[in-house]
Amino acid sequence: MAEGARKRAGSTYAFATTGVAGPSGGSREKPVGTVYVALASEREIKVKKLFFPGDRETFKQVVAQAAFEMLRRKLFS
């Protein structure tokens, strides 16, 4: 998804996220709070599996912060 978004937008970087924000929909393998965050660049795609338990609104905010932190680390590494 991230690579497709990057190519379609003609951008240098793009994010993609997927996960279980809750309050329902979790499973033993992917409980509520599980998220995958991808960052695509022209040279690579990095994916992180993260876990942020909590309410849905907080989950979305923390996932966005994690995505931007991935980008920040990429830009300043």
N, C-alpha and C. Protein backbone atom coordinates (compact mmCIF):
# COMPACT_ATOMS: atom_id res chain seq x y z
N MET A 1 0.82 -1.20 0.00
CA MET A 1 0.00 0.00 0.00
C MET A 1 0.86 1.26 0.00
N ALA A 2 1.90 1.26 0.83
CA ALA A 2 2.75 2.45 0.92
C ALA A 2 3.46 2.71 -0.41
N GLU A 3 3.97 1.67 -1.02
CA GLU A 3 4.66 1.83 -2.30
C GLU A 3 3.70 2.31 -3.38
N GLY A 4 2.50 1.76 -3.41
CA GLY A 4 1.50 2.19 -4.38
C GLY A 4 1.12 3.65 -4.18
N ALA A 5 0.97 4.06 -2.92
CA ALA A 5 0.63 5.45 -2.63
C ALA A 5 1.77 6.38 -3.05
N ARG A 6 3.01 5.96 -2.79
CA ARG A 6 4.16 6.78 -3.16
C ARG A 6 4.24 6.97 -4.67
N LYS A 7 4.06 5.87 -5.40
CA LYS A 7 4.13 5.95 -6.86
C LYS A 7 2.98 6.77 -7.43
N ARG A 8 1.78 6.53 -6.92
CA ARG A 8 0.61 7.24 -7.44
C ARG A 8 0.70 8.75 -7.20
N ALA A 9 1.23 9.12 -6.03
CA ALA A 9 1.35 10.54 -5.69
C ALA A 9 2.60 11.17 -6.30
N GLY A 10 3.51 10.35 -6.79
CA GLY A 10 4.76 10.87 -7.31
C GLY A 10 5.61 11.50 -6.22
N SER A 11 5.52 10.94 -5.01
CA SER A 11 6.22 11.52 -3.87
C SER A 11 7.49 10.73 -3.53
N THR A 12 8.30 11.30 -2.69
CA THR A 12 9.52 10.65 -2.24
C THR A 12 9.22 9.61 -1.18
N TYR A 13 8.25 9.89 -0.31
CA TYR A 13 7.88 9.00 0.79
C TYR A 13 6.37 8.87 0.86
N ALA A 14 5.91 7.74 1.41
CA ALA A 14 4.48 7.55 1.69
C ALA A 14 4.33 6.56 2.83
N PHE A 15 3.26 6.72 3.60
CA PHE A 15 2.91 5.82 4.70
C PHE A 15 1.76 4.92 4.29
N ALA A 16 1.67 3.80 4.99
CA ALA A 16 0.46 2.97 4.96
C ALA A 16 0.33 2.34 6.34
N THR A 17 -0.89 2.21 6.80
CA THR A 17 -1.13 1.55 8.08
C THR A 17 -2.28 0.57 7.94
N THR A 18 -2.22 -0.47 8.72
CA THR A 18 -3.33 -1.40 8.83
C THR A 18 -3.26 -2.01 10.22
N GLY A 19 -4.40 -2.28 10.79
CA GLY A 19 -4.39 -2.85 12.13
C GLY A 19 -5.79 -2.97 12.69
N VAL A 20 -5.82 -3.19 14.00
CA VAL A 20 -7.08 -3.40 14.71
C VAL A 20 -7.20 -2.31 15.78
N ALA A 21 -7.95 -1.26 15.45
CA ALA A 21 -8.11 -0.13 16.36
C ALA A 21 -9.13 -0.41 17.46
N GLY A 22 -10.03 -1.37 17.23
CA GLY A 22 -11.03 -1.72 18.22
C GLY A 22 -12.25 -0.83 18.15
N PRO A 23 -13.19 -0.97 18.99
CA PRO A 23 -13.11 -1.78 20.20
C PRO A 23 -13.29 -3.29 19.97
N SER A 24 -13.74 -3.69 18.79
CA SER A 24 -13.88 -5.12 18.51
C SER A 24 -13.04 -5.46 17.29
N GLY A 25 -13.05 -6.73 16.92
CA GLY A 25 -12.34 -7.15 15.72
C GLY A 25 -11.01 -7.81 15.98
N GLY A 26 -10.57 -7.85 17.21
CA GLY A 26 -9.29 -8.47 17.51
C GLY A 26 -9.37 -9.99 17.52
N SER A 27 -8.22 -10.63 17.48
CA SER A 27 -8.11 -12.08 17.57
C SER A 27 -6.91 -12.41 18.44
N ARG A 28 -6.68 -13.67 18.68
CA ARG A 28 -5.53 -14.08 19.48
C ARG A 28 -4.22 -13.67 18.78
N GLU A 29 -4.20 -13.84 17.46
CA GLU A 29 -2.99 -13.51 16.69
C GLU A 29 -2.81 -12.00 16.52
N LYS A 30 -3.93 -11.29 16.38
CA LYS A 30 -3.90 -9.83 16.19
C LYS A 30 -4.91 -9.18 17.13
N PRO A 31 -4.52 -8.99 18.38
CA PRO A 31 -5.45 -8.38 19.32
C PRO A 31 -5.69 -6.91 19.02
N VAL A 32 -6.77 -6.38 19.57
CA VAL A 32 -7.04 -4.95 19.45
C VAL A 32 -5.81 -4.19 19.95
N GLY A 33 -5.38 -3.24 19.16
CA GLY A 33 -4.18 -2.47 19.49
C GLY A 33 -2.99 -2.81 18.60
N THR A 34 -3.13 -3.86 17.78
CA THR A 34 -2.06 -4.26 16.86
C THR A 34 -2.12 -3.39 15.62
N VAL A 35 -0.96 -2.94 15.16
CA VAL A 35 -0.91 -2.13 13.94
C VAL A 35 0.40 -2.40 13.21
N TYR A 36 0.34 -2.33 11.89
CA TYR A 36 1.52 -2.38 11.04
C TYR A 36 1.63 -1.01 10.38
N VAL A 37 2.81 -0.42 10.46
CA VAL A 37 3.07 0.88 9.86
C VAL A 37 4.17 0.69 8.82
N ALA A 38 3.91 1.11 7.59
CA ALA A 38 4.91 1.00 6.52
C ALA A 38 5.30 2.39 6.05
N LEU A 39 6.58 2.52 5.73
CA LEU A 39 7.11 3.74 5.14
C LEU A 39 7.86 3.35 3.88
N ALA A 40 7.39 3.84 2.75
CA ALA A 40 8.03 3.54 1.47
C ALA A 40 8.82 4.75 1.00
N SER A 41 10.03 4.47 0.52
CA SER A 41 10.85 5.49 -0.13
C SER A 41 11.22 4.96 -1.51
N GLU A 42 12.01 5.71 -2.24
CA GLU A 42 12.41 5.26 -3.57
C GLU A 42 13.32 4.04 -3.49
N ARG A 43 14.01 3.84 -2.37
CA ARG A 43 14.99 2.76 -2.25
C ARG A 43 14.53 1.58 -1.41
N GLU A 44 13.58 1.79 -0.50
CA GLU A 44 13.20 0.70 0.40
C GLU A 44 11.81 0.90 0.98
N ILE A 45 11.31 -0.18 1.55
CA ILE A 45 10.05 -0.15 2.28
C ILE A 45 10.33 -0.73 3.66
N LYS A 46 10.03 0.02 4.70
CA LYS A 46 10.20 -0.46 6.07
C LYS A 46 8.83 -0.67 6.67
N VAL A 47 8.68 -1.79 7.37
CA VAL A 47 7.41 -2.12 8.02
C VAL A 47 7.70 -2.43 9.48
N LYS A 48 6.90 -1.86 10.37
CA LYS A 48 7.01 -2.14 11.80
C LYS A 48 5.68 -2.66 12.30
N LYS A 49 5.75 -3.71 13.09
CA LYS A 49 4.56 -4.20 13.80
C LYS A 49 4.62 -3.61 15.20
N LEU A 50 3.56 -2.92 15.58
CA LEU A 50 3.51 -2.24 16.87
C LEU A 50 2.24 -2.63 17.62
N PHE A 51 2.22 -2.35 18.90
CA PHE A 51 1.05 -2.64 19.73
C PHE A 51 0.79 -1.46 20.65
N PHE A 52 -0.39 -0.88 20.51
CA PHE A 52 -0.81 0.26 21.32
C PHE A 52 -2.20 0.00 21.89
N PRO A 53 -2.30 -0.62 23.05
CA PRO A 53 -3.63 -0.84 23.63
C PRO A 53 -4.22 0.49 24.11
N GLY A 54 -5.52 0.56 24.10
CA GLY A 54 -6.19 1.78 24.55
C GLY A 54 -7.43 2.02 23.73
N ASP A 55 -8.01 3.18 23.89
CA ASP A 55 -9.24 3.48 23.16
C ASP A 55 -8.91 3.82 21.70
N ARG A 56 -9.92 3.76 20.86
CA ARG A 56 -9.76 3.93 19.41
C ARG A 56 -9.16 5.28 19.03
N GLU A 57 -9.61 6.35 19.64
CA GLU A 57 -9.12 7.69 19.29
C GLU A 57 -7.64 7.83 19.65
N THR A 58 -7.26 7.38 20.84
CA THR A 58 -5.85 7.43 21.24
C THR A 58 -5.01 6.56 20.33
N PHE A 59 -5.52 5.39 19.98
CA PHE A 59 -4.82 4.48 19.07
C PHE A 59 -4.48 5.19 17.76
N LYS A 60 -5.44 5.85 17.17
CA LYS A 60 -5.21 6.54 15.89
C LYS A 60 -4.15 7.64 16.04
N GLN A 61 -4.20 8.37 17.12
CA GLN A 61 -3.22 9.44 17.34
C GLN A 61 -1.81 8.88 17.53
N VAL A 62 -1.69 7.81 18.30
CA VAL A 62 -0.38 7.22 18.57
C VAL A 62 0.19 6.57 17.31
N VAL A 63 -0.66 5.96 16.50
CA VAL A 63 -0.21 5.37 15.24
C VAL A 63 0.32 6.46 14.31
N ALA A 64 -0.37 7.57 14.22
CA ALA A 64 0.10 8.69 13.39
C ALA A 64 1.45 9.20 13.90
N GLN A 65 1.59 9.32 15.20
CA GLN A 65 2.87 9.76 15.77
C GLN A 65 3.98 8.77 15.44
N ALA A 66 3.69 7.48 15.52
CA ALA A 66 4.69 6.45 15.20
C ALA A 66 5.10 6.53 13.74
N ALA A 67 4.15 6.77 12.85
CA ALA A 67 4.47 6.88 11.43
C ALA A 67 5.37 8.08 11.17
N PHE A 68 5.05 9.21 11.76
CA PHE A 68 5.89 10.39 11.56
C PHE A 68 7.26 10.23 12.21
N GLU A 69 7.34 9.48 13.30
CA GLU A 69 8.64 9.20 13.91
C GLU A 69 9.49 8.34 12.98
N MET A 70 8.88 7.38 12.29
CA MET A 70 9.62 6.59 11.30
C MET A 70 10.19 7.50 10.22
N LEU A 71 9.39 8.42 9.74
CA LEU A 71 9.85 9.35 8.71
C LEU A 71 10.96 10.25 9.24
N ARG A 72 10.79 10.76 10.44
CA ARG A 72 11.82 11.62 11.04
C ARG A 72 13.15 10.89 11.13
N ARG A 73 13.11 9.64 11.59
CA ARG A 73 14.35 8.86 11.70
C ARG A 73 14.98 8.61 10.34
N LYS A 74 14.15 8.38 9.35
CA LYS A 74 14.66 8.16 7.99
C LYS A 74 15.33 9.43 7.46
N LEU A 75 14.70 10.56 7.67
CA LEU A 75 15.23 11.82 7.15
C LEU A 75 16.53 12.25 7.83
N PHE A 76 16.66 11.93 9.12
CA PHE A 76 17.82 12.40 9.88
C PHE A 76 18.82 11.31 10.22
N SER A 77 18.76 10.19 9.51
CA SER A 77 19.73 9.11 9.77
C SER A 77 20.90 9.18 8.82
